[in-house]
Amino acid sequence: MRVAMIGTGYVGLVSGACFADFGHVVTCVDKDPSKIERLERGEIPIFEPGLDDLVARNVRDGRLSFALDGAEAIRAADAVFIAVGTPSRRGDGHADLSYVHAAAEEIAGLIEGFTVVVTKSTVPVGTGDEIERIIRERRPDADFAVVSNPEFLREGAAIEDFKRPDRVVVGTEDERAREVMHELYRPLNLNETPILFTGRRTSELIKYAANAFLAMKITFINEMADLCEKVGADVQQVARGIGLDNRIGGKFLHAGPGYGGSCFPKDTLALVRTASDAGAPVRLIETTVEINDARKKAMAGRVAQVLGGDLKGKRVALLGLTFKPNTDDMRDAPSLDVAPALQAMGAEVQAFDPEGMAEAAKLLDGVAFKDGPYEAVEGADAVVILTEWNQFRALDLDRVKRLLRQPVMVDLRNIYRPEDMRARGFRYSSIGRG
C-alpha cells in the first residue's frame, strides 16, 4: 500500500520506516527543509537505536523516501497519517492542535479517490471529528474516512514496540477504513498481535488513559519510596513484592526523581483539561501531575542535604540529562529542574550525557558539559546519577572516588547497592532504601 506520513518527528519517522519495512511504499513529509535535507543525506535527526539502519535499508530498497512538498505523495496515498507535534498549549495545558489542523487543511486539498486519514499524533477526544469537519468543509465531494490509530512507542525501544506491539488500537466505524488498516498491519498477523477496533473517540481516549495510568503507577511507587525512607523499608523489595502480583505487574514500578519525556507530562495535563471541560474531573490524575512536578523540583534538596545543607562554593556532577536512557530527548527531563535548582543554591554544575548534551546545551545555562563520566566527576563534591544509562551502571568506583573532592554519590535511579557503596567508603544516598 502507499502511505504518506505527515511529520518526521519521533513518531512519524519511526512509524514511516517501520511501515516501509513491512513492505509498504512510504513518503515522509515535513515542512522543515533542514530535516528533509538531513534525511536525504542519510542523517537521522533523532537518536533511536537501530533507526539509522532501518531507514537506510528501506531508502536503498526504494520503499522509503522524504519530501518537503507532500502533494504527490498525498494524492497517491491509500492512507495519510498525521504524525505532527501536539505540545501543551501555554497557559492552559490543553494540547496545541494547530499543527494537526494545518495538516488536515493540506490533506483536504490533495486527496484523490478513497483515502484513509489517520491520526497517529496523540490528540484529545473529538479531534477526529474536527479533522473530518475541516476536510469536509474544504472538499464536500471528497471520499475519505478519518481514523484514530494512537502510537504506544517507548523511546529507546520504539522499533521493537512498533513491530511487536502488545496491541494495535484503531478507532473507526467505516468498513472500508477497517480493511485498509487491516492491510497496513497485516505483517503483524504472524505474531498474532491483537488489533482492537473501537469507535474513534474511544480510541483517542485509550491513549490518554494508558499514559495517565502509567504515570500514576510511577508516582505511586515514588510515594511508597518516600514512606520507605521514613520507616526503614526498601522500595525495590516493595516493588518486587507487589509487582509479582499479575494484577499489578512489575513494569513502571521503579522509584526515581519523577517522570518526564514527550508523553506523560503533556498527556496527563491534557487529560486533566479535557476531563475538566467535560465536567468529569480526574482527581487521581490531577494529584499525579502535582506530585510529579513537586518531586522533580525537590531532588536538588536531597543533594544539598547529603552535603550538609549548604551548596555555596560546591561543585556537583550530574551523570545523565535525558529523561530516560537510549534517547536524546530532553523534554520535561528531571535534569531541567535539578540543575537550575542546584545553581540557585550556589552550586557549580558539570554534567555528561551520552546522547543528550547537544539538546541540553540549548536548555541549561551555566552548566559545564564534559566529554565523559570521569571528566564530569573530576573535582566535584558530589556525583548525582539522574539517568540510568548502561555505562553508568559499572563505573570504576575507585576512580570515581579519587576524582571527587568528597566521596559522595546521590543515586536517584538506585543502580548501585547501598552496602557496596558504604564498603567502598562512599556517603551514598538513594531513593526509598531506608
Protein backbone atom coordinates (compact mmCIF):
# COMPACT_ATOMS: atom_id res chain seq x y z
CA MET A 1 0.00 0.00 0.00
CA ARG A 2 1.03 3.61 -0.44
CA VAL A 3 1.42 5.71 2.71
CA ALA A 4 2.07 9.42 3.26
CA MET A 5 3.38 10.25 6.73
CA ILE A 6 2.96 13.94 7.65
CA GLY A 7 5.67 14.78 10.15
CA THR A 8 9.18 13.35 10.55
CA GLY A 9 9.49 13.70 14.29
CA TYR A 10 9.90 10.76 16.61
CA VAL A 11 6.54 9.12 15.89
CA GLY A 12 6.40 9.92 12.19
CA LEU A 13 9.91 8.81 11.32
CA VAL A 14 9.80 5.57 13.32
CA SER A 15 6.30 4.69 12.07
CA GLY A 16 7.16 5.53 8.46
CA ALA A 17 10.36 3.48 8.49
CA CYS A 18 8.61 0.50 10.10
CA PHE A 19 5.69 0.59 7.64
CA ALA A 20 8.25 0.66 4.82
CA ASP A 21 9.98 -2.34 6.39
CA PHE A 22 6.61 -4.12 6.32
CA GLY A 23 6.72 -3.70 2.52
CA HIS A 24 4.58 -0.60 2.03
CA VAL A 25 5.74 2.38 -0.04
CA VAL A 26 6.09 5.32 2.33
CA THR A 27 6.83 9.01 1.83
CA CYS A 28 7.60 11.00 4.98
CA VAL A 29 6.71 14.68 4.57
CA ASP A 30 7.93 17.61 6.66
CA LYS A 31 7.82 21.41 6.32
CA ASP A 32 11.29 21.78 7.84
CA PRO A 33 13.81 21.93 4.94
CA SER A 34 16.77 21.15 7.21
CA LYS A 35 15.13 17.93 8.40
CA ILE A 36 14.38 16.74 4.88
CA GLU A 37 17.89 17.65 3.71
CA ARG A 38 19.44 15.71 6.58
CA LEU A 39 17.24 12.68 5.99
CA GLU A 40 18.03 12.68 2.28
CA ARG A 41 21.74 12.70 3.20
CA GLY A 42 21.13 9.68 5.43
CA GLU A 43 21.37 11.62 8.69
CA ILE A 44 18.83 10.76 11.40
CA PRO A 45 17.72 13.87 13.34
CA ILE A 46 16.83 11.90 16.49
CA PHE A 47 18.65 9.20 18.43
CA GLU A 48 16.82 5.88 18.45
CA PRO A 49 18.75 2.58 18.49
CA GLY A 50 18.57 0.82 15.13
CA LEU A 51 16.67 3.58 13.34
CA ASP A 52 19.60 4.66 11.14
CA ASP A 53 20.00 1.14 9.72
CA LEU A 54 16.25 0.70 9.27
CA VAL A 55 15.92 3.97 7.36
CA ALA A 56 18.99 3.34 5.21
CA ARG A 57 17.83 -0.14 4.22
CA ASN A 58 14.36 0.95 3.17
CA VAL A 59 15.61 4.03 1.31
CA ARG A 60 18.05 1.80 -0.55
CA ASP A 61 15.28 -0.66 -1.44
CA GLY A 62 13.04 2.13 -2.73
CA ARG A 63 10.23 1.80 -0.18
CA LEU A 64 11.01 4.94 1.88
CA SER A 65 11.50 8.50 0.68
CA PHE A 66 11.30 12.04 2.07
CA ALA A 67 9.65 15.17 0.71
CA LEU A 68 9.24 18.82 1.58
CA ASP A 69 6.16 19.05 -0.65
CA GLY A 70 3.72 16.27 0.11
CA ALA A 71 1.28 16.88 -2.75
CA GLU A 72 2.31 13.94 -4.92
CA ALA A 73 2.53 11.51 -2.02
CA ILE A 74 -0.84 12.53 -0.56
CA ARG A 75 -2.61 12.24 -3.93
CA ALA A 76 -1.25 8.73 -4.43
CA ALA A 77 -1.75 7.52 -0.85
CA ASP A 78 -4.16 4.86 0.36
CA ALA A 79 -3.57 6.19 3.88
CA VAL A 80 -2.31 9.57 5.05
CA PHE A 81 -1.01 9.61 8.60
CA ILE A 82 -0.91 12.79 10.68
CA ALA A 83 2.11 12.48 12.99
CA VAL A 84 2.80 16.09 13.95
CA GLY A 85 3.50 17.53 17.39
CA THR A 86 0.73 18.23 19.90
CA PRO A 87 2.62 20.08 22.66
CA SER A 88 0.96 21.51 25.74
CA ARG A 89 -0.55 24.89 25.00
CA ARG A 90 0.98 27.66 27.03
CA GLY A 91 -1.26 28.99 29.74
CA ASP A 92 -3.94 26.30 30.00
CA GLY A 93 -2.27 22.92 29.40
CA HIS A 94 -4.61 21.87 26.58
CA ALA A 95 -2.99 20.08 23.64
CA ASP A 96 -2.00 22.52 20.90
CA LEU A 97 -3.72 21.16 17.78
CA SER A 98 -2.62 23.88 15.37
CA TYR A 99 -0.23 21.53 13.51
CA VAL A 100 -2.92 18.84 13.29
CA HIS A 101 -5.45 21.28 11.86
CA ALA A 102 -2.89 22.64 9.38
CA ALA A 103 -2.17 19.09 8.20
CA ALA A 104 -5.89 18.43 7.77
CA GLU A 105 -6.22 21.60 5.65
CA GLU A 106 -3.36 20.47 3.42
CA ILE A 107 -4.69 16.93 3.09
CA ALA A 108 -8.18 18.19 2.19
CA GLY A 109 -6.95 19.90 -0.94
CA LEU A 110 -4.96 16.95 -2.22
CA ILE A 111 -6.61 13.56 -1.60
CA GLU A 112 -7.88 11.67 -4.63
CA GLY A 113 -10.10 8.60 -4.54
CA PHE A 114 -10.96 6.89 -1.26
CA THR A 115 -8.33 7.86 1.32
CA VAL A 116 -7.97 6.95 4.97
CA VAL A 117 -6.77 9.91 7.05
CA VAL A 118 -5.17 8.56 10.23
CA THR A 119 -4.29 10.48 13.38
CA LYS A 120 -1.09 8.98 14.78
CA SER A 121 -0.44 12.06 16.90
CA THR A 122 -1.74 11.97 20.46
CA VAL A 123 -4.88 14.08 20.34
CA PRO A 124 -7.79 14.83 22.72
CA VAL A 125 -11.17 13.20 22.37
CA GLY A 126 -13.12 14.72 19.49
CA THR A 127 -10.10 15.70 17.37
CA GLY A 128 -11.06 13.19 14.68
CA ASP A 129 -14.45 14.86 14.43
CA GLU A 130 -12.75 18.21 13.89
CA ILE A 131 -10.40 16.81 11.24
CA GLU A 132 -13.40 15.35 9.42
CA ARG A 133 -15.19 18.71 9.59
CA ILE A 134 -12.15 20.57 8.22
CA ILE A 135 -11.78 18.21 5.26
CA ARG A 136 -15.50 18.07 4.56
CA GLU A 137 -15.84 21.86 4.55
CA ARG A 138 -12.92 22.22 2.16
CA ARG A 139 -13.86 19.27 -0.06
CA PRO A 140 -17.56 18.35 0.21
CA ASP A 141 -17.11 15.78 -2.57
CA ALA A 142 -14.05 14.04 -1.07
CA ASP A 143 -14.22 10.29 -0.43
CA PHE A 144 -12.39 9.67 2.84
CA ALA A 145 -12.59 8.30 6.37
CA VAL A 146 -10.86 9.70 9.45
CA VAL A 147 -9.34 7.05 11.72
CA SER A 148 -7.66 7.19 15.13
CA ASN A 149 -4.57 4.96 15.46
CA PRO A 150 -2.63 6.02 18.57
CA GLU A 151 1.02 5.10 18.98
CA PHE A 152 2.43 3.30 22.01
CA LEU A 153 6.15 3.63 21.31
CA ARG A 154 8.73 3.78 24.09
CA GLU A 155 11.73 5.91 23.25
CA GLY A 156 14.77 3.67 23.14
CA ALA A 157 12.69 0.64 22.16
CA ALA A 158 10.41 2.13 19.50
CA ILE A 159 11.21 -0.19 16.60
CA GLU A 160 10.58 -3.28 18.71
CA ASP A 161 7.38 -1.72 20.04
CA PHE A 162 6.11 -0.99 16.52
CA LYS A 163 6.95 -4.41 15.12
CA ARG A 164 5.97 -6.47 18.17
CA PRO A 165 3.30 -4.42 19.93
CA ASP A 166 1.05 -5.57 22.76
CA ARG A 167 -1.87 -4.37 20.67
CA VAL A 168 -2.86 -2.07 17.82
CA VAL A 169 -5.78 0.24 18.51
CA VAL A 170 -7.85 1.51 15.57
CA GLY A 171 -10.79 3.85 16.01
CA THR A 172 -13.24 3.74 13.08
CA GLU A 173 -16.68 2.53 12.19
CA ASP A 174 -16.07 2.74 8.43
CA GLU A 175 -15.79 -0.75 6.91
CA ARG A 176 -13.53 0.35 4.04
CA ALA A 177 -11.18 2.04 6.50
CA ARG A 178 -11.06 -1.13 8.60
CA GLU A 179 -9.93 -3.08 5.54
CA VAL A 180 -7.16 -0.55 4.79
CA MET A 181 -5.93 -0.60 8.40
CA HIS A 182 -6.02 -4.43 8.44
CA GLU A 183 -3.87 -4.49 5.32
CA LEU A 184 -1.39 -1.95 6.70
CA TYR A 185 -0.86 -4.03 9.83
CA ARG A 186 -1.18 -7.44 8.16
CA PRO A 187 2.51 -8.32 8.74
CA LEU A 188 1.75 -8.38 12.48
CA ASN A 189 -0.58 -11.35 11.96
CA LEU A 190 2.46 -13.61 12.19
CA ASN A 191 2.85 -12.57 15.83
CA GLU A 192 -0.92 -12.80 16.40
CA THR A 193 -0.96 -9.19 17.55
CA PRO A 194 -4.45 -8.20 18.70
CA ILE A 195 -5.98 -5.37 16.67
CA LEU A 196 -8.64 -3.66 18.74
CA PHE A 197 -11.25 -1.85 16.67
CA THR A 198 -13.24 0.75 18.59
CA GLY A 199 -15.15 3.94 17.98
CA ARG A 200 -12.95 6.90 17.09
CA ARG A 201 -13.49 8.81 20.33
CA THR A 202 -12.83 5.68 22.37
CA SER A 203 -9.53 5.15 20.57
CA GLU A 204 -8.48 8.73 21.24
CA LEU A 205 -9.21 8.31 24.94
CA ILE A 206 -7.40 4.96 25.19
CA LYS A 207 -4.07 6.65 24.50
CA TYR A 208 -4.54 9.27 27.21
CA ALA A 209 -5.90 6.74 29.68
CA ALA A 210 -2.93 4.41 29.14
CA ASN A 211 -0.32 7.12 29.64
CA ALA A 212 -2.14 8.57 32.65
CA PHE A 213 -2.34 5.16 34.30
CA LEU A 214 1.39 4.51 33.80
CA ALA A 215 2.25 7.99 35.10
CA MET A 216 0.09 7.29 38.14
CA LYS A 217 1.88 3.97 38.68
CA ILE A 218 5.28 5.72 38.67
CA THR A 219 4.01 8.37 41.06
CA PHE A 220 2.58 5.70 43.36
CA ILE A 221 5.91 3.90 43.73
CA ASN A 222 7.67 7.24 44.27
CA GLU A 223 5.32 7.98 47.15
CA MET A 224 5.98 4.49 48.54
CA ALA A 225 9.71 5.28 48.28
CA ASP A 226 9.23 8.35 50.47
CA LEU A 227 7.39 6.22 53.01
CA CYS A 228 10.12 3.55 52.89
CA GLU A 229 12.72 6.16 53.78
CA LYS A 230 10.73 7.16 56.86
CA VAL A 231 10.02 3.65 58.16
CA GLY A 232 13.25 1.87 57.16
CA ALA A 233 11.86 -0.29 54.34
CA ASP A 234 13.28 -0.97 50.87
CA VAL A 235 11.20 0.31 47.96
CA GLN A 236 12.82 -2.06 45.48
CA GLN A 237 11.68 -5.05 47.51
CA VAL A 238 8.25 -3.46 47.93
CA ALA A 239 8.05 -3.00 44.15
CA ARG A 240 9.03 -6.60 43.54
CA GLY A 241 6.62 -7.83 46.16
CA ILE A 242 3.63 -6.08 44.62
CA GLY A 243 4.83 -6.46 41.02
CA LEU A 244 4.77 -10.25 41.25
CA ASP A 245 1.03 -9.96 41.63
CA ASN A 246 -0.08 -10.37 38.00
CA ARG A 247 -2.95 -7.98 38.60
CA ILE A 248 -0.32 -5.24 39.14
CA GLY A 249 2.79 -6.28 37.18
CA GLY A 250 6.35 -5.13 37.71
CA LYS A 251 6.67 -2.54 34.91
CA PHE A 252 6.77 1.17 35.77
CA LEU A 253 7.45 0.42 39.43
CA HIS A 254 10.94 1.92 39.53
CA ALA A 255 11.31 4.72 42.05
CA GLY A 256 13.20 7.79 40.90
CA PRO A 257 13.17 11.55 40.52
CA GLY A 258 9.82 11.70 38.71
CA TYR A 259 8.64 11.04 35.17
CA GLY A 260 9.48 13.25 32.20
CA GLY A 261 9.63 12.89 28.44
CA SER A 262 7.48 13.72 25.46
CA CYS A 263 4.31 11.92 26.56
CA PHE A 264 3.49 11.59 30.24
CA PRO A 265 3.76 15.26 31.29
CA LYS A 266 1.76 16.70 28.39
CA ASP A 267 -0.73 13.84 28.13
CA THR A 268 -1.64 13.81 31.82
CA LEU A 269 -2.12 17.57 31.72
CA ALA A 270 -4.21 17.40 28.53
CA LEU A 271 -6.39 14.67 30.05
CA VAL A 272 -6.94 16.78 33.17
CA ARG A 273 -8.06 19.71 30.99
CA THR A 274 -10.29 17.55 28.78
CA ALA A 275 -11.95 15.95 31.80
CA SER A 276 -12.46 19.31 33.47
CA ASP A 277 -14.09 20.75 30.34
CA ALA A 278 -16.35 17.70 30.15
CA GLY A 279 -17.46 18.14 33.76
CA ALA A 280 -15.88 14.83 34.86
CA PRO A 281 -12.67 15.79 36.73
CA VAL A 282 -10.00 13.09 37.04
CA ARG A 283 -8.75 13.84 40.54
CA LEU A 284 -6.25 10.98 40.70
CA ILE A 285 -4.51 12.32 37.60
CA GLU A 286 -4.65 15.92 38.87
CA THR A 287 -2.85 14.78 42.01
CA THR A 288 -0.36 12.73 39.97
CA VAL A 289 0.61 15.84 37.98
CA GLU A 290 1.04 17.92 41.14
CA ILE A 291 3.11 15.30 42.96
CA ASN A 292 5.39 14.66 40.00
CA ASP A 293 6.08 18.35 39.40
CA ALA A 294 6.92 18.86 43.08
CA ARG A 295 9.12 15.76 43.17
CA LYS A 296 11.40 16.86 40.35
CA LYS A 297 11.87 20.25 41.98
CA ALA A 298 12.68 18.61 45.35
CA MET A 299 15.53 16.42 44.10
CA ALA A 300 18.15 19.18 44.42
CA GLY A 301 17.30 19.36 48.10
CA ARG A 302 18.44 15.75 48.51
CA VAL A 303 21.83 16.70 47.15
CA ALA A 304 22.06 19.67 49.49
CA GLN A 305 21.08 17.52 52.46
CA VAL A 306 23.85 14.99 51.79
CA LEU A 307 26.36 17.84 51.51
CA GLY A 308 25.32 19.39 54.81
CA GLY A 309 22.66 21.78 53.57
CA ASP A 310 24.90 24.46 52.06
CA LEU A 311 25.86 24.29 48.37
CA LYS A 312 27.63 27.65 48.11
CA GLY A 313 31.01 27.08 46.53
CA LYS A 314 30.27 23.38 45.97
CA ARG A 315 30.56 21.60 42.65
CA VAL A 316 28.04 18.93 41.64
CA ALA A 317 28.43 16.43 38.79
CA LEU A 318 25.33 15.19 37.00
CA LEU A 319 25.50 11.88 35.14
CA GLY A 320 22.63 11.67 32.68
CA LEU A 321 20.48 14.54 31.43
CA THR A 322 17.85 12.96 29.17
CA PHE A 323 14.57 11.86 30.72
CA LYS A 324 15.47 8.20 30.15
CA PRO A 325 18.36 6.21 28.62
CA ASN A 326 18.70 5.36 24.91
CA THR A 327 17.28 8.66 23.70
CA ASP A 328 18.45 12.23 23.20
CA ASP A 329 15.06 13.57 24.32
CA MET A 330 15.27 16.31 26.95
CA ARG A 331 11.57 17.14 27.10
CA ASP A 332 10.47 17.59 30.74
CA ALA A 333 13.57 15.69 31.92
CA PRO A 334 14.19 15.90 35.69
CA SER A 335 17.58 17.47 34.91
CA LEU A 336 15.78 20.60 33.73
CA ASP A 337 14.54 21.11 37.28
CA VAL A 338 17.51 19.70 39.19
CA ALA A 339 20.36 21.60 37.52
CA PRO A 340 18.83 25.11 37.87
CA ALA A 341 17.80 24.36 41.47
CA LEU A 342 21.36 23.35 42.33
CA GLN A 343 22.66 26.51 40.71
CA ALA A 344 20.14 28.62 42.62
CA MET A 345 21.54 27.13 45.84
CA GLY A 346 25.02 28.31 44.86
CA ALA A 347 26.47 25.16 43.30
CA GLU A 348 28.53 24.87 40.13
CA VAL A 349 27.14 22.14 37.89
CA GLN A 350 29.08 20.00 35.44
CA ALA A 351 27.48 17.18 33.51
CA PHE A 352 27.77 14.37 31.00
CA ASP A 353 25.15 12.51 28.95
CA PRO A 354 25.96 10.00 26.18
CA GLU A 355 23.44 11.43 23.69
CA GLY A 356 21.62 14.43 25.16
CA MET A 357 24.23 17.14 25.62
CA ALA A 358 23.64 18.98 22.35
CA GLU A 359 19.98 19.43 23.21
CA ALA A 360 20.73 20.04 26.89
CA ALA A 361 23.09 22.88 25.99
CA LYS A 362 20.13 24.76 24.48
CA LEU A 363 18.11 24.38 27.68
CA LEU A 364 20.57 24.58 30.58
CA ASP A 365 22.53 27.79 31.11
CA GLY A 366 25.77 27.83 33.03
CA VAL A 367 26.31 24.07 33.06
CA ALA A 368 29.80 22.83 32.16
CA PHE A 369 29.36 19.92 29.75
CA LYS A 370 32.11 17.28 29.85
CA ASP A 371 33.37 14.63 27.46
CA GLY A 372 32.76 11.61 29.68
CA PRO A 373 31.59 10.47 33.11
CA TYR A 374 35.00 10.68 34.73
CA GLU A 375 35.65 14.15 33.32
CA ALA A 376 32.28 15.22 34.79
CA VAL A 377 33.10 13.78 38.20
CA GLU A 378 36.58 15.29 38.47
CA GLY A 379 36.81 17.94 41.18
CA ALA A 380 33.15 17.63 42.21
CA ASP A 381 31.90 17.48 45.78
CA ALA A 382 29.16 15.03 44.81
CA VAL A 383 28.05 12.98 41.83
CA VAL A 384 24.34 12.63 41.07
CA ILE A 385 23.02 9.85 38.84
CA LEU A 386 19.97 11.27 37.06
CA THR A 387 19.56 8.88 34.12
CA GLU A 388 20.27 5.15 34.24
CA TRP A 389 22.39 4.82 31.10
CA ASN A 390 24.07 1.41 30.98
CA GLN A 391 27.55 2.93 31.00
CA PHE A 392 26.85 4.40 34.44
CA ARG A 393 25.97 1.01 35.92
CA ALA A 394 29.53 -0.25 36.09
CA LEU A 395 31.67 2.81 36.75
CA ASP A 396 35.17 2.35 38.14
CA LEU A 397 34.10 3.42 41.62
CA ASP A 398 37.65 3.59 42.96
CA ARG A 399 38.49 6.02 40.17
CA VAL A 400 35.32 8.00 40.84
CA LYS A 401 36.23 8.26 44.50
CA ARG A 402 39.74 9.51 43.67
CA LEU A 403 38.39 12.14 41.30
CA LEU A 404 35.77 13.51 43.69
CA ARG A 405 36.64 16.11 46.31
CA GLN A 406 34.33 14.24 48.67
CA PRO A 407 33.20 10.60 48.31
CA VAL A 408 29.51 11.47 47.87
CA MET A 409 27.06 9.85 45.46
CA VAL A 410 23.36 10.66 45.19
CA ASP A 411 21.86 7.84 43.16
CA LEU A 412 18.39 8.90 42.01
CA ARG A 413 17.97 5.69 39.96
CA ASN A 414 19.09 3.09 42.54
CA ILE A 415 21.59 1.44 40.22
CA TYR A 416 24.12 0.68 42.99
CA ARG A 417 23.77 -1.30 46.21
CA PRO A 418 23.98 0.71 49.45
CA GLU A 419 26.09 -1.93 51.21
CA ASP A 420 28.64 -1.97 48.36
CA MET A 421 28.91 1.81 48.32
CA ARG A 422 29.38 2.02 52.08
CA ALA A 423 32.05 -0.68 51.92
CA ARG A 424 33.91 1.45 49.35
CA GLY A 425 33.82 4.43 51.67
CA PHE A 426 31.12 6.50 49.90
CA ARG A 427 28.48 8.61 51.51
CA TYR A 428 25.68 7.18 49.45
CA SER A 429 22.09 8.34 49.16
CA SER A 430 19.45 6.63 47.04
CA ILE A 431 15.66 6.56 46.65
CA GLY A 432 13.41 4.69 49.07
CA ARG A 433 16.02 2.45 50.64
CA GLY A 434 15.95 3.44 54.30
